[in-house]
Amino acid sequence: MESLVYFAVWAGLIFLMMRFGCGAHIMGHSHGNEQPHSKPEKPGNPEVRWEPPKKDADPVCGKTVATDMAKPSVYAGNVYYFCSRECREAFEAAPDIYVGEEQKPLLPPPMEKIHG
C-alpha cells in the first residue's frame, strides 16, 4: 500500500509540472502571460511573408502549372513547381540540366514500360 501512495504522489507531481510548469510548453500550454507560438513584433520591421505565384512554368517540360496543385521542389534556395511526379523526379536527379540562364526546358527521358 505504501508503494501505491508513493507512485500516486509522484504521478501527481509530474502531472502538475507538465500541466503548469516548464512541461506546459511541451503539452501546448503556456504560462498565461504570452500566447503560444507567437513572435514578438518589432516596430518598423514588418514580418516577411512569401506567397507563391498563382501559376509558374515547369522547368522540365515547360508547361504552365497552377502552383496550388503542382508538385514543388526546392533547389539552391528557389522553389520550382512541376506538372507531374515524373518531371519533379527528373529535375531532382539532375537539376543543373534544367536550371540556368541559357538552359531551355527539356522533356524528361521516356519512361520504360511499367508492369503493374
C-alpha atoms as a PDB file:
ATOM      1  CA  MET A   1       0.000   0.000   0.000  1.00  0.00           C
ATOM      2  CA  GLU A   2       2.878   2.280   0.809  1.00  0.00           C
ATOM      3  CA  SER A   3       4.364   1.927  -2.691  1.00  0.00           C
ATOM      4  CA  LEU A   4       0.968   2.741  -4.275  1.00  0.00           C
ATOM      5  CA  VAL A   5       0.802   6.035  -2.370  1.00  0.00           C
ATOM      6  CA  TYR A   6       4.434   6.723  -3.288  1.00  0.00           C
ATOM      7  CA  PHE A   7       3.709   6.316  -7.034  1.00  0.00           C
ATOM      8  CA  ALA A   8       0.460   8.315  -6.786  1.00  0.00           C
ATOM      9  CA  VAL A   9       2.304  11.258  -5.201  1.00  0.00           C
ATOM     10  CA  TRP A  10       4.992  11.217  -7.889  1.00  0.00           C
ATOM     11  CA  ALA A  11       2.395  10.853 -10.653  1.00  0.00           C
ATOM     12  CA  GLY A  12       0.508  13.861  -9.277  1.00  0.00           C
ATOM     13  CA  LEU A  13       3.703  15.915  -9.060  1.00  0.00           C
ATOM     14  CA  ILE A  14       4.700  15.049 -12.634  1.00  0.00           C
ATOM     15  CA  PHE A  15       1.199  15.869 -13.867  1.00  0.00           C
ATOM     16  CA  LEU A  16       1.312  19.293 -12.194  1.00  0.00           C
ATOM     17  CA  MET A  17       4.758  20.035 -13.643  1.00  0.00           C
ATOM     18  CA  MET A  18       3.639  19.007 -17.136  1.00  0.00           C
ATOM     19  CA  ARG A  19       0.419  20.989 -16.912  1.00  0.00           C
ATOM     20  CA  PHE A  20       1.564  24.189 -15.212  1.00  0.00           C
ATOM     21  CA  GLY A  21       5.369  24.133 -15.105  1.00  0.00           C
ATOM     22  CA  CYS A  22       8.007  24.063 -17.807  1.00  0.00           C
ATOM     23  CA  GLY A  23       6.440  20.980 -19.334  1.00  0.00           C
ATOM     24  CA  ALA A  24       3.429  23.124 -20.250  1.00  0.00           C
ATOM     25  CA  HIS A  25       5.269  24.231 -23.385  1.00  0.00           C
ATOM     26  CA  ILE A  26       5.641  20.624 -24.473  1.00  0.00           C
ATOM     27  CA  MET A  27       1.967  19.954 -23.837  1.00  0.00           C
ATOM     28  CA  GLY A  28       0.953  23.025 -25.878  1.00  0.00           C
ATOM     29  CA  HIS A  29       0.013  25.230 -22.927  1.00  0.00           C
ATOM     30  CA  SER A  30       1.567  28.492 -21.870  1.00  0.00           C
ATOM     31  CA  HIS A  31       2.205  30.147 -18.534  1.00  0.00           C
ATOM     32  CA  GLY A  32      -0.646  32.553 -19.236  1.00  0.00           C
ATOM     33  CA  ASN A  33       1.437  35.645 -19.856  1.00  0.00           C
ATOM     34  CA  GLU A  34       2.183  35.010 -23.533  1.00  0.00           C
ATOM     35  CA  GLN A  35       0.456  33.448 -26.496  1.00  0.00           C
ATOM     36  CA  PRO A  36       1.906  30.098 -27.585  1.00  0.00           C
ATOM     37  CA  HIS A  37       3.959  30.109 -30.792  1.00  0.00           C
ATOM     38  CA  SER A  38       3.887  33.902 -31.130  1.00  0.00           C
ATOM     39  CA  LYS A  39       6.858  36.028 -32.075  1.00  0.00           C
ATOM     40  CA  PRO A  40       7.350  39.448 -30.594  1.00  0.00           C
ATOM     41  CA  GLU A  41       6.630  42.159 -33.125  1.00  0.00           C
ATOM     42  CA  LYS A  42       9.427  44.558 -33.958  1.00  0.00           C
ATOM     43  CA  PRO A  43       8.331  48.117 -34.654  1.00  0.00           C
ATOM     44  CA  GLY A  44       9.146  49.324 -38.169  1.00  0.00           C
ATOM     45  CA  ASN A  45      10.082  45.826 -39.364  1.00  0.00           C
ATOM     46  CA  PRO A  46       7.037  44.033 -40.804  1.00  0.00           C
ATOM     47  CA  GLU A  47       7.098  40.281 -40.895  1.00  0.00           C
ATOM     48  CA  VAL A  48       8.231  38.975 -44.277  1.00  0.00           C
ATOM     49  CA  ARG A  49       5.797  36.543 -45.850  1.00  0.00           C
ATOM     50  CA  TRP A  50       6.322  34.757 -49.119  1.00  0.00           C
ATOM     51  CA  GLU A  51       3.333  33.778 -51.196  1.00  0.00           C
ATOM     52  CA  PRO A  52       3.748  31.578 -54.250  1.00  0.00           C
ATOM     53  CA  PRO A  53       2.618  32.874 -57.634  1.00  0.00           C
ATOM     54  CA  LYS A  54      -0.721  31.608 -58.967  1.00  0.00           C
ATOM     55  CA  LYS A  55       0.969  29.984 -61.980  1.00  0.00           C
ATOM     56  CA  ASP A  56       4.537  29.077 -62.865  1.00  0.00           C
ATOM     57  CA  ALA A  57       6.359  27.258 -65.649  1.00  0.00           C
ATOM     58  CA  ASP A  58       7.554  23.685 -65.155  1.00  0.00           C
ATOM     59  CA  PRO A  59      11.344  23.865 -65.771  1.00  0.00           C
ATOM     60  CA  VAL A  60      11.435  20.323 -67.172  1.00  0.00           C
ATOM     61  CA  CYS A  61       8.666  20.264 -69.787  1.00  0.00           C
ATOM     62  CA  GLY A  62       7.807  23.971 -69.992  1.00  0.00           C
ATOM     63  CA  LYS A  63       4.095  23.569 -69.193  1.00  0.00           C
ATOM     64  CA  THR A  64       2.321  26.269 -67.214  1.00  0.00           C
ATOM     65  CA  VAL A  65       1.097  24.828 -63.915  1.00  0.00           C
ATOM     66  CA  ALA A  66      -1.139  26.149 -61.146  1.00  0.00           C
ATOM     67  CA  THR A  67       1.118  26.251 -58.087  1.00  0.00           C
ATOM     68  CA  ASP A  68      -1.615  25.209 -55.649  1.00  0.00           C
ATOM     69  CA  MET A  69      -1.919  21.815 -57.391  1.00  0.00           C
ATOM     70  CA  ALA A  70       1.735  21.453 -58.506  1.00  0.00           C
ATOM     71  CA  LYS A  71       4.454  19.196 -57.139  1.00  0.00           C
ATOM     72  CA  PRO A  72       7.086  21.573 -55.619  1.00  0.00           C
ATOM     73  CA  SER A  73      10.796  21.051 -55.131  1.00  0.00           C
ATOM     74  CA  VAL A  74      13.457  23.316 -53.637  1.00  0.00           C
ATOM     75  CA  TYR A  75      16.867  23.710 -55.243  1.00  0.00           C
ATOM     76  CA  ALA A  76      19.531  26.322 -54.385  1.00  0.00           C
ATOM     77  CA  GLY A  77      17.047  28.312 -52.297  1.00  0.00           C
ATOM     78  CA  ASN A  78      14.427  28.537 -55.055  1.00  0.00           C
ATOM     79  CA  VAL A  79      11.090  26.756 -55.265  1.00  0.00           C
ATOM     80  CA  TYR A  80      10.250  25.084 -58.568  1.00  0.00           C
ATOM     81  CA  TYR A  81       6.814  23.723 -59.483  1.00  0.00           C
ATOM     82  CA  PHE A  82       6.163  20.663 -61.628  1.00  0.00           C
ATOM     83  CA  CYS A  83       3.174  19.308 -63.519  1.00  0.00           C
ATOM     84  CA  SER A  84       3.851  15.693 -62.548  1.00  0.00           C
ATOM     85  CA  ARG A  85       5.866  13.493 -60.271  1.00  0.00           C
ATOM     86  CA  GLU A  86       7.954  12.302 -63.228  1.00  0.00           C
ATOM     87  CA  CYS A  87       9.021  15.866 -64.089  1.00  0.00           C
ATOM     88  CA  ARG A  88       9.918  16.538 -60.456  1.00  0.00           C
ATOM     89  CA  GLU A  89      11.965  13.336 -60.224  1.00  0.00           C
ATOM     90  CA  ALA A  90      13.795  14.151 -63.464  1.00  0.00           C
ATOM     91  CA  PHE A  91      14.613  17.611 -62.087  1.00  0.00           C
ATOM     92  CA  GLU A  92      15.784  16.292 -58.720  1.00  0.00           C
ATOM     93  CA  ALA A  93      18.026  13.733 -60.424  1.00  0.00           C
ATOM     94  CA  ALA A  94      19.908  16.427 -62.393  1.00  0.00           C
ATOM     95  CA  PRO A  95      18.760  19.982 -61.554  1.00  0.00           C
ATOM     96  CA  ASP A  96      21.729  21.638 -63.288  1.00  0.00           C
ATOM     97  CA  ILE A  97      20.385  20.482 -66.646  1.00  0.00           C
ATOM     98  CA  TYR A  98      17.108  22.356 -66.212  1.00  0.00           C
ATOM     99  CA  VAL A  99      18.142  25.465 -64.260  1.00  0.00           C
ATOM    100  CA  GLY A 100      20.351  28.118 -65.770  1.00  0.00           C
ATOM    101  CA  GLU A 101      20.294  31.325 -67.761  1.00  0.00           C
ATOM    102  CA  GLU A 102      20.831  29.712 -71.149  1.00  0.00           C
ATOM    103  CA  GLN A 103      19.022  26.434 -70.499  1.00  0.00           C
ATOM    104  CA  LYS A 104      15.659  25.761 -72.112  1.00  0.00           C
ATOM    105  CA  PRO A 105      13.090  23.364 -70.619  1.00  0.00           C
ATOM    106  CA  LEU A 106      13.762  19.800 -71.688  1.00  0.00           C
ATOM    107  CA  LEU A 107      11.393  16.886 -71.797  1.00  0.00           C
ATOM    108  CA  PRO A 108      12.075  14.124 -69.279  1.00  0.00           C
ATOM    109  CA  PRO A 109      13.553  10.914 -70.662  1.00  0.00           C
ATOM    110  CA  PRO A 110      10.926   8.472 -71.928  1.00  0.00           C
ATOM    111  CA  MET A 111       9.635   6.066 -69.308  1.00  0.00           C
ATOM    112  CA  GLU A 112      10.264   2.390 -69.794  1.00  0.00           C
ATOM    113  CA  LYS A 113       7.341   0.026 -69.801  1.00  0.00           C
ATOM    114  CA  ILE A 114       5.776  -0.165 -66.377  1.00  0.00           C
ATOM    115  CA  HIS A 115       4.366  -3.532 -65.439  1.00  0.00           C
ATOM    116  CA  GLY A 116       1.573  -3.261 -62.937  1.00  0.00           C
END
